[in-house]
Amino acid sequence: KEFIEKHRVVSPEVAQQMAINARAIMQTDYAVYAEGDEGFEDKYIEMLKAGGSKHHKELLAPFGLDASDPTFWDKGLSMISGFIDELEAMED
């Protein structure tokens, strides 16, 4: 714990927002997969291999995605919304 406190680069709030953004990016990638993007698996593996070594624009470019485009976020959020709808339908 001491190591983490000493080497923390961001606040817990910023870390939480980063995690939320990462989740939205994953959902958008999944939406691309669901649309049948050819070669998705190979591109996704390459993105994972890059880790944090590349800027998000470089990581998303092979998928034809641009995080500065508002429709990028709409695609991921619509996937999440669809999952919520499915869960709510299970309650009925």
C-alpha atoms as a PDB file:
ATOM      1  CA  LYS A   1       0.000   0.000   0.000  1.00  0.00           C
ATOM      2  CA  GLU A   2       2.836   2.387   0.806  1.00  0.00           C
ATOM      3  CA  PHE A   3       4.309   1.830  -2.645  1.00  0.00           C
ATOM      4  CA  ILE A   4       0.980   2.632  -4.284  1.00  0.00           C
ATOM      5  CA  GLU A   5       0.541   5.813  -2.247  1.00  0.00           C
ATOM      6  CA  LYS A   6       4.100   6.925  -2.986  1.00  0.00           C
ATOM      7  CA  HIS A   7       3.886   6.295  -6.736  1.00  0.00           C
ATOM      8  CA  ARG A   8       0.300   7.294  -7.412  1.00  0.00           C
ATOM      9  CA  VAL A   9       0.188   9.437 -10.535  1.00  0.00           C
ATOM     10  CA  VAL A  10      -3.510  10.231 -10.563  1.00  0.00           C
ATOM     11  CA  SER A  11      -6.177  10.709  -7.963  1.00  0.00           C
ATOM     12  CA  PRO A  12      -8.711   7.937  -7.290  1.00  0.00           C
ATOM     13  CA  GLU A  13     -11.366  10.027  -9.038  1.00  0.00           C
ATOM     14  CA  VAL A  14      -9.251  10.349 -12.189  1.00  0.00           C
ATOM     15  CA  ALA A  15      -8.449   6.632 -12.085  1.00  0.00           C
ATOM     16  CA  GLN A  16     -12.166   5.855 -11.840  1.00  0.00           C
ATOM     17  CA  GLN A  17     -12.945   8.085 -14.830  1.00  0.00           C
ATOM     18  CA  MET A  18     -10.164   6.403 -16.794  1.00  0.00           C
ATOM     19  CA  ALA A  19     -11.715   3.011 -16.002  1.00  0.00           C
ATOM     20  CA  ILE A  20     -15.139   4.214 -17.154  1.00  0.00           C
ATOM     21  CA  ASN A  21     -13.634   5.524 -20.404  1.00  0.00           C
ATOM     22  CA  ALA A  22     -11.800   2.229 -20.933  1.00  0.00           C
ATOM     23  CA  ARG A  23     -15.074   0.335 -20.465  1.00  0.00           C
ATOM     24  CA  ALA A  24     -16.806   2.557 -23.030  1.00  0.00           C
ATOM     25  CA  ILE A  25     -13.953   1.952 -25.480  1.00  0.00           C
ATOM     26  CA  MET A  26     -14.261  -1.805 -24.950  1.00  0.00           C
ATOM     27  CA  GLN A  27     -17.996  -1.646 -25.627  1.00  0.00           C
ATOM     28  CA  THR A  28     -17.385   0.313 -28.818  1.00  0.00           C
ATOM     29  CA  ASP A  29     -14.828  -2.268 -29.926  1.00  0.00           C
ATOM     30  CA  TYR A  30     -17.375  -4.988 -29.187  1.00  0.00           C
ATOM     31  CA  ALA A  31     -19.924  -3.134 -31.325  1.00  0.00           C
ATOM     32  CA  VAL A  32     -17.433  -3.189 -34.207  1.00  0.00           C
ATOM     33  CA  TYR A  33     -16.942  -6.926 -33.630  1.00  0.00           C
ATOM     34  CA  ALA A  34     -20.703  -7.502 -33.569  1.00  0.00           C
ATOM     35  CA  GLU A  35     -20.991  -5.710 -36.918  1.00  0.00           C
ATOM     36  CA  GLY A  36     -18.681  -8.359 -38.406  1.00  0.00           C
ATOM     37  CA  ASP A  37     -15.532  -6.286 -38.965  1.00  0.00           C
ATOM     38  CA  GLU A  38     -13.187  -8.488 -41.008  1.00  0.00           C
ATOM     39  CA  GLY A  39      -9.934  -9.245 -39.207  1.00  0.00           C
ATOM     40  CA  PHE A  40     -11.262  -7.900 -35.923  1.00  0.00           C
ATOM     41  CA  GLU A  41      -9.601 -10.570 -33.796  1.00  0.00           C
ATOM     42  CA  ASP A  42      -6.120  -9.902 -35.219  1.00  0.00           C
ATOM     43  CA  LYS A  43      -6.519  -6.142 -34.838  1.00  0.00           C
ATOM     44  CA  TYR A  44      -7.767  -6.558 -31.279  1.00  0.00           C
ATOM     45  CA  ILE A  45      -4.821  -8.792 -30.313  1.00  0.00           C
ATOM     46  CA  GLU A  46      -2.418  -6.200 -31.759  1.00  0.00           C
ATOM     47  CA  MET A  47      -4.151  -3.465 -29.762  1.00  0.00           C
ATOM     48  CA  LEU A  48      -3.796  -5.504 -26.563  1.00  0.00           C
ATOM     49  CA  LYS A  49      -0.131  -6.227 -27.314  1.00  0.00           C
ATOM     50  CA  ALA A  50       0.545  -2.495 -27.582  1.00  0.00           C
ATOM     51  CA  GLY A  51      -0.556  -1.999 -23.990  1.00  0.00           C
ATOM     52  CA  GLY A  52      -0.073   1.632 -23.033  1.00  0.00           C
ATOM     53  CA  SER A  53       2.692   2.229 -25.581  1.00  0.00           C
ATOM     54  CA  LYS A  54       0.490   3.914 -28.201  1.00  0.00           C
ATOM     55  CA  HIS A  55      -1.881   6.870 -28.227  1.00  0.00           C
ATOM     56  CA  HIS A  56      -5.556   5.917 -28.334  1.00  0.00           C
ATOM     57  CA  LYS A  57      -5.871   7.343 -31.861  1.00  0.00           C
ATOM     58  CA  GLU A  58      -3.285   4.842 -33.089  1.00  0.00           C
ATOM     59  CA  LEU A  59      -4.939   1.984 -31.218  1.00  0.00           C
ATOM     60  CA  LEU A  60      -8.415   2.705 -32.584  1.00  0.00           C
ATOM     61  CA  ALA A  61      -7.449   3.575 -36.174  1.00  0.00           C
ATOM     62  CA  PRO A  62      -7.315  -0.062 -37.444  1.00  0.00           C
ATOM     63  CA  PHE A  63     -10.965  -0.404 -36.412  1.00  0.00           C
ATOM     64  CA  GLY A  64     -11.950   2.783 -38.233  1.00  0.00           C
ATOM     65  CA  LEU A  65     -12.755   4.412 -34.884  1.00  0.00           C
ATOM     66  CA  ASP A  66     -12.032   7.939 -33.670  1.00  0.00           C
ATOM     67  CA  ALA A  67     -12.645   8.755 -30.003  1.00  0.00           C
ATOM     68  CA  SER A  68     -12.938  12.467 -30.827  1.00  0.00           C
ATOM     69  CA  ASP A  69     -16.063  11.728 -32.884  1.00  0.00           C
ATOM     70  CA  PRO A  70     -19.223  11.849 -30.711  1.00  0.00           C
ATOM     71  CA  THR A  71     -20.681   8.892 -32.624  1.00  0.00           C
ATOM     72  CA  PHE A  72     -17.796   6.777 -31.291  1.00  0.00           C
ATOM     73  CA  TRP A  73     -19.170   7.123 -27.758  1.00  0.00           C
ATOM     74  CA  ASP A  74     -22.755   6.665 -28.958  1.00  0.00           C
ATOM     75  CA  LYS A  75     -21.854   3.256 -30.392  1.00  0.00           C
ATOM     76  CA  GLY A  76     -20.401   2.008 -27.093  1.00  0.00           C
ATOM     77  CA  LEU A  77     -23.144   3.506 -24.968  1.00  0.00           C
ATOM     78  CA  SER A  78     -25.828   2.003 -27.181  1.00  0.00           C
ATOM     79  CA  MET A  79     -24.265  -1.429 -26.575  1.00  0.00           C
ATOM     80  CA  ILE A  80     -24.443  -0.836 -22.819  1.00  0.00           C
ATOM     81  CA  SER A  81     -28.037   0.378 -23.156  1.00  0.00           C
ATOM     82  CA  GLY A  82     -28.907  -2.795 -25.058  1.00  0.00           C
ATOM     83  CA  PHE A  83     -27.441  -4.935 -22.258  1.00  0.00           C
ATOM     84  CA  ILE A  84     -29.502  -3.019 -19.706  1.00  0.00           C
ATOM     85  CA  ASP A  85     -32.645  -3.550 -21.786  1.00  0.00           C
ATOM     86  CA  GLU A  86     -31.917  -7.294 -21.888  1.00  0.00           C
ATOM     87  CA  LEU A  87     -31.475  -7.420 -18.113  1.00  0.00           C
ATOM     88  CA  GLU A  88     -34.707  -5.497 -17.539  1.00  0.00           C
ATOM     89  CA  ALA A  89     -36.551  -7.860 -19.882  1.00  0.00           C
ATOM     90  CA  MET A  90     -35.404 -10.785 -17.723  1.00  0.00           C
ATOM     91  CA  GLU A  91     -37.228  -9.288 -14.758  1.00  0.00           C
ATOM     92  CA  ASP A  92     -40.593  -9.570 -16.519  1.00  0.00           C
END
